[in-house]
Every structure is written in C-alpha cells, then in structure tokens.
Amino acid sequence: MSEILVLAELTPTGVRKATLELLTIARGLGEPSAVVCGDATEDVVALLGTYGATTVYAVSAPEIEQFLSLPKAEVVVTLAERVRPGAILITSGPEGKDVAARVAVRLDSGLITDAVDVSAEGATITTTQSVFAGAFHVRSEVVRGTPVITVMPNAVTAEAAPAQPRVKSVDVAFSDRAKGSVVISRTPKGSSARPDLADAAVIVSGGRGVGSEAGLGVIEKLADALGGAVGVTRAVSDLHWAPHDLQIGQTGKTVAPGLYIAAGVSGAIQHRAGMQSSKTIVAVNKDPKAPIFSIADFGVVGDLHTVLPALVDEIDKRRI
C-alpha cells in the first residue's frame, strides 16, 4: 500500500480534530503517515497513532515558526520526493490551501481543494466537492502527479484505529525563498470556552437580522446551549457588531459543521460559499422568501428573537 501523507496541524493542547479526520480518510486510501512540523511530543505521537498513523515524520526547525507557510510546503515537498506517496492530504483553510498550492506547483501535480469526501477506486483516488451553494456535488480526480487534496473540516467523523507509529526525524534544508517573509511578532488570541469555528461540530450564525450588537446575545446563548461556536455574516462584521474572525463566507472563513443554524441570515451567495458544505442547515428568518431557505434542510419563518430563546428554553428543559 502507498503511503498517504497527512500534514498535521498542532494546537497548544495537542492536535487539531481536523487532522484526526484526515487520518481517518487516509486509512481508506493507503498507509497513513503524519507530518508534524513542530514539537512531536509523546502525547502528539500517541494521539496520531490512536487514529491510525503508522509513521510520524517529525520536523523540528526554527524556520517553521520564524517564517510563514513556505517552510511547511518545503517539508511536504521534501518528504513527497523521498517516499512517493499515493496522495497528500491537508486541511482546508487559509494556511492549508496556501501550503497545498505551493506543494502542487513544486511537484507538478494536480490540486483539488475543499473536498468533502475522498475515496479510492482501485488505484484511482476520487474526491467529492460541494459547489454552487450545495446545489451540486462534483466528483474529480487528479490525472497528473501526486494528488494534493485539501479536505474540509468536519467532512468525516474521526474514528480511532490504534497503531504503533514509527517516529522518523527529518532534516530539511530550507531555501532562501522560504525565508522571504519573516514573522516579527505574535499576539495570542483571547481564550474562549467555545470551540474554534474551523473545528466546531455546531455553529450558530447571526446575520443583519439580529438588529444590533446586543442582539447577538441570543445567538451566543443558543451556541452555548448546544456547545457550539458563534459565526456572523459580513454585514454584521462590517457593522462592527462582531470581530472579523467570526465572519463566515467568501471573504471570511469556510466551515462545514454537522449542524449550522443561520438566524437572521438572508443567504447571499457570498455567505453560502462559506457554509454550503454543512451537513444539516437550519434557517430562521422572518422573510419566507429569504434565499437561505433554498439550501436549508429545516426552516422556521419567524422572529429569531422569539424563536431562539424558546429553543434555548426547550434545550434547558430536556437537560433536567
């Protein structure tokens, strides 16, 4: 079986859930190998092994922290040239897609982004993408070089398959090109009890229909009741009712949670581009002709300030 390289993403507390999802996919394609750019601690290696990684390539170099995404791309390219993997899987996101594009160019390979499913049919790896606000599913395959594929977070459920991974330290000679942009400072993001948008299984998103910055309170209460994350539309971000890092859409973040609740969201194509791959979409809007209803699995025509508090109350009752 060919190795399937998975670029692991680390967090201050371990490994991003999206990486474990990639390992789950990789097991269906070949032999999963995780690429760790950073500190491959015993806990990190053990967790990667729990989800099927048979090899962990550990690359510890100051350049990875000092510079932007280019060193990570060069790590993946170096390993791909050595092991000739059957495919390279990377999490979809701003950095992930940047790394994937650079890797594909360097390897002269085809690139597929924002896949929601990856499967093997014999020796052929086929991907599925959700496009045009979820109206169509497109099946694609790479016909040149090593397939480089970015996969949407939450596209699959991470499933454990314990293995005893071999840890291999890898030395990479970084080019001057990889050191062209240096990180001069970092500001830690404020901590929150809510999950990160990219990892959240449940997202409650508010649009202009919330009415005001204070109106976002009902969005936050429902998100907390469901253990989910809070998202907003560009209109809400532009009005400074919420920070830009909560914006979902074409000029914000792309998400694919198991449950997406859109309250007071009209459903403009720019917003739908960022959430159309969600597994279940619930829309709450006073306007029965709002475009969001065209892609919603369930819809409620009503005032979000009435519907959402009632939903929170019902959730609280069922917990007792």
C-alpha atoms as a PDB file:
ATOM      1  CA  MET A   1       0.000   0.000   0.000  1.00  0.00           C
ATOM      2  CA  SER A   2       1.193   3.512  -0.784  1.00  0.00           C
ATOM      3  CA  GLU A   3       1.847   5.956   1.994  1.00  0.00           C
ATOM      4  CA  ILE A   4      -0.684   8.767   2.333  1.00  0.00           C
ATOM      5  CA  LEU A   5       0.936  11.892   3.756  1.00  0.00           C
ATOM      6  CA  VAL A   6      -1.209  13.891   6.175  1.00  0.00           C
ATOM      7  CA  LEU A   7       0.034  17.331   7.199  1.00  0.00           C
ATOM      8  CA  ALA A   8      -0.762  17.522  10.911  1.00  0.00           C
ATOM      9  CA  GLU A   9      -1.894  20.759  12.500  1.00  0.00           C
ATOM     10  CA  LEU A  10      -0.911  21.290  16.120  1.00  0.00           C
ATOM     11  CA  THR A  11      -2.654  23.318  18.805  1.00  0.00           C
ATOM     12  CA  PRO A  12      -1.319  24.469  22.185  1.00  0.00           C
ATOM     13  CA  THR A  13      -3.031  21.423  23.702  1.00  0.00           C
ATOM     14  CA  GLY A  14      -2.289  18.788  21.072  1.00  0.00           C
ATOM     15  CA  VAL A  15      -3.599  18.043  17.582  1.00  0.00           C
ATOM     16  CA  ARG A  16      -6.465  19.681  15.686  1.00  0.00           C
ATOM     17  CA  LYS A  17      -9.513  17.473  15.261  1.00  0.00           C
ATOM     18  CA  ALA A  18      -9.378  18.075  11.514  1.00  0.00           C
ATOM     19  CA  THR A  19      -6.036  16.236  11.382  1.00  0.00           C
ATOM     20  CA  LEU A  20      -7.608  13.180  13.012  1.00  0.00           C
ATOM     21  CA  GLU A  21     -10.326  13.323  10.351  1.00  0.00           C
ATOM     22  CA  LEU A  22      -7.662  13.332   7.635  1.00  0.00           C
ATOM     23  CA  LEU A  23      -6.047  10.246   9.164  1.00  0.00           C
ATOM     24  CA  THR A  24      -9.434   8.526   9.113  1.00  0.00           C
ATOM     25  CA  ILE A  25      -9.735   9.298   5.393  1.00  0.00           C
ATOM     26  CA  ALA A  26      -6.136   8.275   4.737  1.00  0.00           C
ATOM     27  CA  ARG A  27      -6.743   4.784   6.144  1.00  0.00           C
ATOM     28  CA  GLY A  28      -9.178   4.157   3.313  1.00  0.00           C
ATOM     29  CA  LEU A  29      -6.624   5.203   0.712  1.00  0.00           C
ATOM     30  CA  GLY A  30      -3.405   3.590   1.881  1.00  0.00           C
ATOM     31  CA  GLU A  31      -0.998   3.666   4.809  1.00  0.00           C
ATOM     32  CA  PRO A  32      -1.419   6.893   6.822  1.00  0.00           C
ATOM     33  CA  SER A  33       1.709   8.865   7.682  1.00  0.00           C
ATOM     34  CA  ALA A  34       1.561  12.104   9.649  1.00  0.00           C
ATOM     35  CA  VAL A  35       3.904  15.021   9.008  1.00  0.00           C
ATOM     36  CA  VAL A  36       4.489  17.063  12.159  1.00  0.00           C
ATOM     37  CA  CYS A  37       6.079  20.464  11.672  1.00  0.00           C
ATOM     38  CA  GLY A  38       6.907  21.390  15.242  1.00  0.00           C
ATOM     39  CA  ASP A  39       7.233  19.611  18.548  1.00  0.00           C
ATOM     40  CA  ALA A  40       6.302  15.938  18.119  1.00  0.00           C
ATOM     41  CA  THR A  41       5.782  15.227  21.809  1.00  0.00           C
ATOM     42  CA  GLU A  42       4.931  11.796  23.145  1.00  0.00           C
ATOM     43  CA  ASP A  43       1.302  12.872  23.569  1.00  0.00           C
ATOM     44  CA  VAL A  44       1.101  14.149  20.000  1.00  0.00           C
ATOM     45  CA  VAL A  45       2.627  10.957  18.589  1.00  0.00           C
ATOM     46  CA  ALA A  46       0.352   8.785  20.735  1.00  0.00           C
ATOM     47  CA  LEU A  47      -2.771  10.625  19.566  1.00  0.00           C
ATOM     48  CA  LEU A  48      -1.753  10.403  15.910  1.00  0.00           C
ATOM     49  CA  GLY A  49      -1.144   6.683  16.406  1.00  0.00           C
ATOM     50  CA  THR A  50      -4.562   6.262  18.010  1.00  0.00           C
ATOM     51  CA  TYR A  51      -6.104   7.426  14.738  1.00  0.00           C
ATOM     52  CA  GLY A  52      -4.030   5.170  12.542  1.00  0.00           C
ATOM     53  CA  ALA A  53      -0.750   6.923  11.742  1.00  0.00           C
ATOM     54  CA  THR A  54       1.847   4.214  11.157  1.00  0.00           C
ATOM     55  CA  THR A  55       4.673   6.709  10.681  1.00  0.00           C
ATOM     56  CA  VAL A  56       5.198  10.153  12.148  1.00  0.00           C
ATOM     57  CA  TYR A  57       7.683  12.330  10.285  1.00  0.00           C
ATOM     58  CA  ALA A  58       8.927  14.854  12.817  1.00  0.00           C
ATOM     59  CA  VAL A  59      10.448  18.090  11.558  1.00  0.00           C
ATOM     60  CA  SER A  60      11.676  20.415  14.263  1.00  0.00           C
ATOM     61  CA  ALA A  61      13.326  23.545  12.909  1.00  0.00           C
ATOM     62  CA  PRO A  62      13.248  27.204  13.958  1.00  0.00           C
ATOM     63  CA  GLU A  63      12.356  28.232  10.394  1.00  0.00           C
ATOM     64  CA  ILE A  64       8.876  26.750  10.796  1.00  0.00           C
ATOM     65  CA  GLU A  65       8.000  29.274  13.498  1.00  0.00           C
ATOM     66  CA  GLN A  66      10.085  32.156  12.179  1.00  0.00           C
ATOM     67  CA  PHE A  67       8.615  32.295   8.691  1.00  0.00           C
ATOM     68  CA  LEU A  68       5.220  31.893   7.047  1.00  0.00           C
ATOM     69  CA  SER A  69       3.863  28.822   5.248  1.00  0.00           C
ATOM     70  CA  LEU A  70       6.723  28.267   2.802  1.00  0.00           C
ATOM     71  CA  PRO A  71       8.871  26.161   5.177  1.00  0.00           C
ATOM     72  CA  LYS A  72       5.931  23.787   5.745  1.00  0.00           C
ATOM     73  CA  ALA A  73       5.441  23.494   2.000  1.00  0.00           C
ATOM     74  CA  GLU A  74       9.111  22.635   1.549  1.00  0.00           C
ATOM     75  CA  VAL A  75       8.847  19.981   4.285  1.00  0.00           C
ATOM     76  CA  VAL A  76       5.961  18.297   2.465  1.00  0.00           C
ATOM     77  CA  VAL A  77       7.717  18.544  -0.911  1.00  0.00           C
ATOM     78  CA  THR A  78      10.920  17.034   0.527  1.00  0.00           C
ATOM     79  CA  LEU A  79       9.026  14.089   2.019  1.00  0.00           C
ATOM     80  CA  ALA A  80       6.938  13.568  -1.106  1.00  0.00           C
ATOM     81  CA  GLU A  81      10.065  13.344  -3.234  1.00  0.00           C
ATOM     82  CA  ARG A  82      11.530  10.779  -0.834  1.00  0.00           C
ATOM     83  CA  VAL A  83       8.578   8.469  -0.164  1.00  0.00           C
ATOM     84  CA  ARG A  84       6.486   8.945  -3.342  1.00  0.00           C
ATOM     85  CA  PRO A  85       3.117   8.920  -1.536  1.00  0.00           C
ATOM     86  CA  GLY A  86      -0.167   7.905  -3.099  1.00  0.00           C
ATOM     87  CA  ALA A  87      -1.663  11.247  -2.072  1.00  0.00           C
ATOM     88  CA  ILE A  88      -1.116  14.251   0.173  1.00  0.00           C
ATOM     89  CA  LEU A  89      -3.964  15.366   2.440  1.00  0.00           C
ATOM     90  CA  ILE A  90      -4.101  18.826   4.022  1.00  0.00           C
ATOM     91  CA  THR A  91      -6.872  20.542   5.970  1.00  0.00           C
ATOM     92  CA  SER A  92      -8.767  23.205   4.018  1.00  0.00           C
ATOM     93  CA  GLY A  93      -8.182  26.634   5.477  1.00  0.00           C
ATOM     94  CA  PRO A  94      -6.156  29.760   4.675  1.00  0.00           C
ATOM     95  CA  GLU A  95      -2.784  28.248   5.547  1.00  0.00           C
ATOM     96  CA  GLY A  96      -3.656  24.735   4.413  1.00  0.00           C
ATOM     97  CA  LYS A  97      -4.676  25.820   0.929  1.00  0.00           C
ATOM     98  CA  ASP A  98      -1.637  28.079   0.673  1.00  0.00           C
ATOM     99  CA  VAL A  99       0.664  25.161   1.534  1.00  0.00           C
ATOM    100  CA  ALA A 100      -1.208  22.798  -0.784  1.00  0.00           C
ATOM    101  CA  ALA A 101      -0.959  25.145  -3.757  1.00  0.00           C
ATOM    102  CA  ARG A 102       2.789  25.576  -3.292  1.00  0.00           C
ATOM    103  CA  VAL A 103       3.273  21.817  -2.908  1.00  0.00           C
ATOM    104  CA  ALA A 104       1.289  21.074  -6.070  1.00  0.00           C
ATOM    105  CA  VAL A 105       3.323  23.564  -8.109  1.00  0.00           C
ATOM    106  CA  ARG A 106       6.649  22.244  -6.817  1.00  0.00           C
ATOM    107  CA  LEU A 107       5.642  18.634  -7.528  1.00  0.00           C
ATOM    108  CA  ASP A 108       3.990  19.499 -10.861  1.00  0.00           C
ATOM    109  CA  SER A 109       0.874  17.766  -9.555  1.00  0.00           C
ATOM    110  CA  GLY A 110      -2.852  18.314  -9.723  1.00  0.00           C
ATOM    111  CA  LEU A 111      -4.609  20.050  -6.832  1.00  0.00           C
ATOM    112  CA  ILE A 112      -8.173  19.652  -5.535  1.00  0.00           C
ATOM    113  CA  THR A 113      -9.417  21.955  -2.773  1.00  0.00           C
ATOM    114  CA  ASP A 114     -12.342  21.871  -0.328  1.00  0.00           C
ATOM    115  CA  ALA A 115     -13.134  18.188  -0.778  1.00  0.00           C
ATOM    116  CA  VAL A 116     -15.934  16.797   1.380  1.00  0.00           C
ATOM    117  CA  ASP A 117     -15.142  13.170   0.594  1.00  0.00           C
ATOM    118  CA  VAL A 118     -12.122  11.237  -0.672  1.00  0.00           C
ATOM    119  CA  SER A 119     -12.265   7.612  -1.734  1.00  0.00           C
ATOM    120  CA  ALA A 120     -10.164   5.055  -3.570  1.00  0.00           C
ATOM    121  CA  GLU A 121     -11.476   3.147  -6.554  1.00  0.00           C
ATOM    122  CA  GLY A 122      -8.723   0.692  -7.306  1.00  0.00           C
ATOM    123  CA  ALA A 123      -5.603   2.760  -7.917  1.00  0.00           C
ATOM    124  CA  THR A 124      -7.640   5.894  -8.566  1.00  0.00           C
ATOM    125  CA  ILE A 125      -8.335   8.423  -5.823  1.00  0.00           C
ATOM    126  CA  THR A 126     -11.612  10.269  -6.329  1.00  0.00           C
ATOM    127  CA  THR A 127     -12.816  13.347  -4.483  1.00  0.00           C
ATOM    128  CA  THR A 128     -16.232  14.900  -3.991  1.00  0.00           C
ATOM    129  CA  GLN A 129     -16.784  18.655  -3.714  1.00  0.00           C
ATOM    130  CA  SER A 130     -19.956  20.549  -2.818  1.00  0.00           C
ATOM    131  CA  VAL A 131     -20.350  23.517  -5.166  1.00  0.00           C
ATOM    132  CA  PHE A 132     -22.768  26.313  -6.068  1.00  0.00           C
ATOM    133  CA  ALA A 133     -24.132  26.662  -2.543  1.00  0.00           C
ATOM    134  CA  GLY A 134     -24.559  22.923  -2.229  1.00  0.00           C
ATOM    135  CA  ALA A 135     -26.718  22.641  -5.354  1.00  0.00           C
ATOM    136  CA  PHE A 136     -24.288  20.206  -6.997  1.00  0.00           C
ATOM    137  CA  HIS A 137     -21.740  17.592  -5.985  1.00  0.00           C
ATOM    138  CA  VAL A 138     -18.726  17.290  -8.270  1.00  0.00           C
ATOM    139  CA  ARG A 139     -16.533  14.211  -8.467  1.00  0.00           C
ATOM    140  CA  SER A 140     -12.950  14.816  -9.544  1.00  0.00           C
ATOM    141  CA  GLU A 141      -9.628  13.060  -9.763  1.00  0.00           C
ATOM    142  CA  VAL A 142      -6.058  14.198 -10.264  1.00  0.00           C
ATOM    143  CA  VAL A 143      -4.617  12.928 -13.532  1.00  0.00           C
ATOM    144  CA  ARG A 144      -1.055  14.209 -13.186  1.00  0.00           C
ATOM    145  CA  GLY A 145       1.475  13.643 -10.437  1.00  0.00           C
ATOM    146  CA  THR A 146       0.753  13.013  -6.778  1.00  0.00           C
ATOM    147  CA  PRO A 147      -2.792  14.089  -5.832  1.00  0.00           C
ATOM    148  CA  VAL A 148      -2.679  17.065  -3.459  1.00  0.00           C
ATOM    149  CA  ILE A 149      -6.057  17.391  -1.739  1.00  0.00           C
ATOM    150  CA  THR A 150      -7.380  19.779   0.875  1.00  0.00           C
ATOM    151  CA  VAL A 151     -10.343  18.475   2.862  1.00  0.00           C
ATOM    152  CA  MET A 152     -12.991  20.495   4.647  1.00  0.00           C
ATOM    153  CA  PRO A 153     -13.008  20.166   8.447  1.00  0.00           C
ATOM    154  CA  ASN A 154     -15.921  18.058   9.740  1.00  0.00           C
ATOM    155  CA  ALA A 155     -16.318  16.373   6.350  1.00  0.00           C
ATOM    156  CA  VAL A 156     -15.993  12.991   8.086  1.00  0.00           C
ATOM    157  CA  THR A 157     -16.159  11.728  11.656  1.00  0.00           C
ATOM    158  CA  ALA A 158     -12.750  10.965  13.121  1.00  0.00           C
ATOM    159  CA  GLU A 159     -12.600   7.279  14.068  1.00  0.00           C
ATOM    160  CA  ALA A 160      -9.859   5.663  16.122  1.00  0.00           C
ATOM    161  CA  ALA A 161      -7.847   2.755  14.727  1.00  0.00           C
ATOM    162  CA  PRO A 162      -4.864   2.320  17.088  1.00  0.00           C
ATOM    163  CA  ALA A 163      -1.428   1.788  15.584  1.00  0.00           C
ATOM    164  CA  GLN A 164       2.119   1.926  16.912  1.00  0.00           C
ATOM    165  CA  PRO A 165       3.706   4.701  14.864  1.00  0.00           C
ATOM    166  CA  ARG A 166       7.366   4.833  13.975  1.00  0.00           C
ATOM    167  CA  VAL A 167       8.849   8.269  14.589  1.00  0.00           C
ATOM    168  CA  LYS A 168      11.333   9.440  11.989  1.00  0.00           C
ATOM    169  CA  SER A 169      13.188  12.712  12.395  1.00  0.00           C
ATOM    170  CA  VAL A 170      13.552  14.582   9.128  1.00  0.00           C
ATOM    171  CA  ASP A 171      16.087  17.282   8.340  1.00  0.00           C
ATOM    172  CA  VAL A 172      15.127  19.795   5.674  1.00  0.00           C
ATOM    173  CA  ALA A 173      17.441  22.346   4.080  1.00  0.00           C
ATOM    174  CA  PHE A 174      15.175  25.357   3.625  1.00  0.00           C
ATOM    175  CA  SER A 175      15.727  27.558   0.599  1.00  0.00           C
ATOM    176  CA  ASP A 176      16.213  31.306   0.747  1.00  0.00           C
ATOM    177  CA  ARG A 177      12.827  31.627  -0.948  1.00  0.00           C
ATOM    178  CA  ALA A 178      11.161  30.017   2.081  1.00  0.00           C
ATOM    179  CA  LYS A 179      12.637  32.739   4.279  1.00  0.00           C
ATOM    180  CA  GLY A 180      11.324  35.650   2.262  1.00  0.00           C
ATOM    181  CA  SER A 181       8.670  36.711   4.799  1.00  0.00           C
ATOM    182  CA  VAL A 182       9.505  36.661   8.476  1.00  0.00           C
ATOM    183  CA  VAL A 183       7.114  36.660  11.420  1.00  0.00           C
ATOM    184  CA  ILE A 184       8.108  39.596  13.610  1.00  0.00           C
ATOM    185  CA  SER A 185       5.517  39.197  16.368  1.00  0.00           C
ATOM    186  CA  ARG A 186       2.597  37.085  17.522  1.00  0.00           C
ATOM    187  CA  THR A 187      -0.388  38.071  19.649  1.00  0.00           C
ATOM    188  CA  PRO A 188      -2.151  35.153  21.351  1.00  0.00           C
ATOM    189  CA  LYS A 189      -5.867  35.030  20.682  1.00  0.00           C
ATOM    190  CA  GLY A 190      -8.036  35.541  23.737  1.00  0.00           C
ATOM    191  CA  SER A 191      -9.194  32.261  25.230  1.00  0.00           C
ATOM    192  CA  SER A 192     -12.808  31.194  24.928  1.00  0.00           C
ATOM    193  CA  ALA A 193     -14.831  28.261  26.173  1.00  0.00           C
ATOM    194  CA  ARG A 194     -16.402  27.955  22.722  1.00  0.00           C
ATOM    195  CA  PRO A 195     -14.801  25.741  20.069  1.00  0.00           C
ATOM    196  CA  ASP A 196     -12.927  27.269  17.176  1.00  0.00           C
ATOM    197  CA  LEU A 197     -15.066  27.862  14.086  1.00  0.00           C
ATOM    198  CA  ALA A 198     -12.935  25.561  11.963  1.00  0.00           C
ATOM    199  CA  ASP A 199     -13.333  22.650  14.391  1.00  0.00           C
ATOM    200  CA  ALA A 200     -16.873  23.215  15.646  1.00  0.00           C
ATOM    201  CA  ALA A 201     -19.435  20.482  15.047  1.00  0.00           C
ATOM    202  CA  VAL A 202     -22.213  23.017  15.708  1.00  0.00           C
ATOM    203  CA  ILE A 203     -22.255  26.657  14.577  1.00  0.00           C
ATOM    204  CA  VAL A 204     -24.948  29.244  15.276  1.00  0.00           C
ATOM    205  CA  SER A 205     -24.584  32.161  12.888  1.00  0.00           C
ATOM    206  CA  GLY A 206     -26.215  35.569  13.076  1.00  0.00           C
ATOM    207  CA  GLY A 207     -26.897  37.980  10.252  1.00  0.00           C
ATOM    208  CA  ARG A 208     -28.109  41.555   9.966  1.00  0.00           C
ATOM    209  CA  GLY A 209     -31.460  40.349  11.264  1.00  0.00           C
ATOM    210  CA  VAL A 210     -30.104  40.278  14.829  1.00  0.00           C
ATOM    211  CA  GLY A 211     -30.668  44.045  14.726  1.00  0.00           C
ATOM    212  CA  SER A 212     -27.770  45.246  16.845  1.00  0.00           C
ATOM    213  CA  GLU A 213     -24.607  44.222  18.635  1.00  0.00           C
ATOM    214  CA  ALA A 214     -26.689  43.442  21.718  1.00  0.00           C
ATOM    215  CA  GLY A 215     -28.956  41.336  19.544  1.00  0.00           C
ATOM    216  CA  LEU A 216     -26.115  38.846  19.064  1.00  0.00           C
ATOM    217  CA  GLY A 217     -26.730  37.781  22.640  1.00  0.00           C
ATOM    218  CA  VAL A 218     -29.437  35.330  21.560  1.00  0.00           C
ATOM    219  CA  ILE A 219     -27.012  33.800  19.033  1.00  0.00           C
ATOM    220  CA  GLU A 220     -24.402  33.338  21.758  1.00  0.00           C
ATOM    221  CA  LYS A 221     -26.894  31.813  24.204  1.00  0.00           C
ATOM    222  CA  LEU A 222     -28.040  29.214  21.682  1.00  0.00           C
ATOM    223  CA  ALA A 223     -24.456  28.411  20.698  1.00  0.00           C
ATOM    224  CA  ASP A 224     -23.525  27.895  24.354  1.00  0.00           C
ATOM    225  CA  ALA A 225     -26.610  25.746  24.960  1.00  0.00           C
ATOM    226  CA  LEU A 226     -25.538  23.486  22.073  1.00  0.00           C
ATOM    227  CA  GLY A 227     -21.822  23.563  22.891  1.00  0.00           C
ATOM    228  CA  GLY A 228     -21.163  25.233  19.570  1.00  0.00           C
ATOM    229  CA  ALA A 229     -19.352  28.183  18.043  1.00  0.00           C
ATOM    230  CA  VAL A 230     -20.669  31.602  17.043  1.00  0.00           C
ATOM    231  CA  GLY A 231     -20.415  32.860  13.469  1.00  0.00           C
ATOM    232  CA  VAL A 232     -21.596  36.000  11.686  1.00  0.00           C
ATOM    233  CA  THR A 233     -22.163  37.318   8.197  1.00  0.00           C
ATOM    234  CA  ARG A 234     -20.099  40.017   6.524  1.00  0.00           C
ATOM    235  CA  ALA A 235     -22.807  42.600   7.206  1.00  0.00           C
ATOM    236  CA  VAL A 236     -22.512  42.004  10.946  1.00  0.00           C
ATOM    237  CA  SER A 237     -18.715  42.169  10.784  1.00  0.00           C
ATOM    238  CA  ASP A 238     -18.783  45.372   8.682  1.00  0.00           C
ATOM    239  CA  LEU A 239     -21.110  46.976  11.216  1.00  0.00           C
ATOM    240  CA  HIS A 240     -18.551  46.097  13.943  1.00  0.00           C
ATOM    241  CA  TRP A 241     -21.133  44.133  15.893  1.00  0.00           C
ATOM    242  CA  ALA A 242     -18.685  41.219  15.961  1.00  0.00           C
ATOM    243  CA  PRO A 243     -14.973  40.717  15.176  1.00  0.00           C
ATOM    244  CA  HIS A 244     -13.931  39.783  11.654  1.00  0.00           C
ATOM    245  CA  ASP A 245     -12.509  36.435  12.776  1.00  0.00           C
ATOM    246  CA  LEU A 246     -16.096  35.232  13.322  1.00  0.00           C
ATOM    247  CA  GLN A 247     -17.127  36.056   9.755  1.00  0.00           C
ATOM    248  CA  ILE A 248     -18.210  33.136   7.587  1.00  0.00           C
ATOM    249  CA  GLY A 249     -18.338  33.443   3.823  1.00  0.00           C
ATOM    250  CA  GLN A 250     -16.372  34.204   0.697  1.00  0.00           C
ATOM    251  CA  THR A 251     -14.280  36.882   2.425  1.00  0.00           C
ATOM    252  CA  GLY A 252     -14.333  35.127   5.785  1.00  0.00           C
ATOM    253  CA  LYS A 253     -13.963  31.541   6.948  1.00  0.00           C
ATOM    254  CA  THR A 254     -15.196  28.391   5.252  1.00  0.00           C
ATOM    255  CA  VAL A 255     -16.832  25.888   7.584  1.00  0.00           C
ATOM    256  CA  ALA A 256     -18.565  22.522   7.328  1.00  0.00           C
ATOM    257  CA  PRO A 257     -20.099  21.643  10.703  1.00  0.00           C
ATOM    258  CA  GLY A 258     -22.556  18.859  11.347  1.00  0.00           C
ATOM    259  CA  LEU A 259     -25.202  21.449  12.272  1.00  0.00           C
ATOM    260  CA  TYR A 260     -25.355  25.040  11.021  1.00  0.00           C
ATOM    261  CA  ILE A 261     -28.080  27.312  12.365  1.00  0.00           C
ATOM    262  CA  ALA A 262     -28.474  30.541  10.384  1.00  0.00           C
ATOM    263  CA  ALA A 263     -30.564  33.123  12.237  1.00  0.00           C
ATOM    264  CA  GLY A 264     -31.404  36.430  10.613  1.00  0.00           C
ATOM    265  CA  VAL A 265     -29.187  35.453   7.675  1.00  0.00           C
ATOM    266  CA  SER A 266     -30.606  36.303   4.258  1.00  0.00           C
ATOM    267  CA  GLY A 267     -28.419  33.764   2.480  1.00  0.00           C
ATOM    268  CA  ALA A 268     -26.482  35.839  -0.045  1.00  0.00           C
ATOM    269  CA  ILE A 269     -24.241  33.713  -2.275  1.00  0.00           C
ATOM    270  CA  GLN A 270     -21.132  35.186  -0.630  1.00  0.00           C
ATOM    271  CA  HIS A 271     -22.214  33.793   2.736  1.00  0.00           C
ATOM    272  CA  ARG A 272     -23.399  30.483   1.332  1.00  0.00           C
ATOM    273  CA  ALA A 273     -19.974  29.961  -0.226  1.00  0.00           C
ATOM    274  CA  GLY A 274     -18.563  29.669   3.280  1.00  0.00           C
ATOM    275  CA  MET A 275     -21.088  27.243   4.787  1.00  0.00           C
ATOM    276  CA  GLN A 276     -22.715  25.332   1.942  1.00  0.00           C
ATOM    277  CA  SER A 277     -20.939  22.083   2.880  1.00  0.00           C
ATOM    278  CA  SER A 278     -22.578  21.909   6.319  1.00  0.00           C
ATOM    279  CA  LYS A 279     -24.275  18.556   6.840  1.00  0.00           C
ATOM    280  CA  THR A 280     -27.541  19.953   8.269  1.00  0.00           C
ATOM    281  CA  ILE A 281     -28.638  23.565   7.779  1.00  0.00           C
ATOM    282  CA  VAL A 282     -31.409  25.171   9.830  1.00  0.00           C
ATOM    283  CA  ALA A 283     -32.628  28.648   8.871  1.00  0.00           C
ATOM    284  CA  VAL A 284     -34.611  31.099  10.999  1.00  0.00           C
ATOM    285  CA  ASN A 285     -35.811  34.209   9.181  1.00  0.00           C
ATOM    286  CA  LYS A 286     -38.864  36.480   9.148  1.00  0.00           C
ATOM    287  CA  ASP A 287     -38.790  36.658   5.348  1.00  0.00           C
ATOM    288  CA  PRO A 288     -40.235  33.455   3.820  1.00  0.00           C
ATOM    289  CA  LYS A 289     -38.543  34.359   0.520  1.00  0.00           C
ATOM    290  CA  ALA A 290     -35.034  34.645   2.011  1.00  0.00           C
ATOM    291  CA  PRO A 291     -32.528  32.776  -0.224  1.00  0.00           C
ATOM    292  CA  ILE A 292     -31.177  30.855   2.782  1.00  0.00           C
ATOM    293  CA  PHE A 293     -34.321  28.695   2.747  1.00  0.00           C
ATOM    294  CA  SER A 294     -33.357  27.326  -0.679  1.00  0.00           C
ATOM    295  CA  ILE A 295     -30.437  25.396   0.840  1.00  0.00           C
ATOM    296  CA  ALA A 296     -31.836  24.786   4.331  1.00  0.00           C
ATOM    297  CA  ASP A 297     -32.777  21.294   5.456  1.00  0.00           C
ATOM    298  CA  PHE A 298     -35.167  22.805   8.001  1.00  0.00           C
ATOM    299  CA  GLY A 299     -36.623  26.299   8.047  1.00  0.00           C
ATOM    300  CA  VAL A 300     -38.550  28.405  10.548  1.00  0.00           C
ATOM    301  CA  VAL A 301     -40.304  31.555   9.354  1.00  0.00           C
ATOM    302  CA  GLY A 302     -40.322  33.770  12.415  1.00  0.00           C
ATOM    303  CA  ASP A 303     -38.541  36.365  14.515  1.00  0.00           C
ATOM    304  CA  LEU A 304     -35.211  34.988  15.704  1.00  0.00           C
ATOM    305  CA  HIS A 305     -35.589  36.935  18.957  1.00  0.00           C
ATOM    306  CA  THR A 306     -38.670  34.833  19.690  1.00  0.00           C
ATOM    307  CA  VAL A 307     -37.649  31.512  18.153  1.00  0.00           C
ATOM    308  CA  LEU A 308     -34.122  31.225  19.556  1.00  0.00           C
ATOM    309  CA  PRO A 309     -34.932  31.971  23.234  1.00  0.00           C
ATOM    310  CA  ALA A 310     -37.751  29.422  23.026  1.00  0.00           C
ATOM    311  CA  LEU A 311     -35.300  26.887  21.619  1.00  0.00           C
ATOM    312  CA  VAL A 312     -32.797  27.586  24.406  1.00  0.00           C
ATOM    313  CA  ASP A 313     -35.563  27.104  26.992  1.00  0.00           C
ATOM    314  CA  GLU A 314     -36.539  23.792  25.425  1.00  0.00           C
ATOM    315  CA  ILE A 315     -32.917  22.604  25.433  1.00  0.00           C
ATOM    316  CA  ASP A 316     -32.586  23.532  29.104  1.00  0.00           C
ATOM    317  CA  LYS A 317     -35.788  21.665  29.969  1.00  0.00           C
ATOM    318  CA  ARG A 318     -34.573  18.498  28.277  1.00  0.00           C
ATOM    319  CA  ARG A 319     -31.348  18.605  30.268  1.00  0.00           C
ATOM    320  CA  ILE A 320     -33.212  18.370  33.565  1.00  0.00           C
END
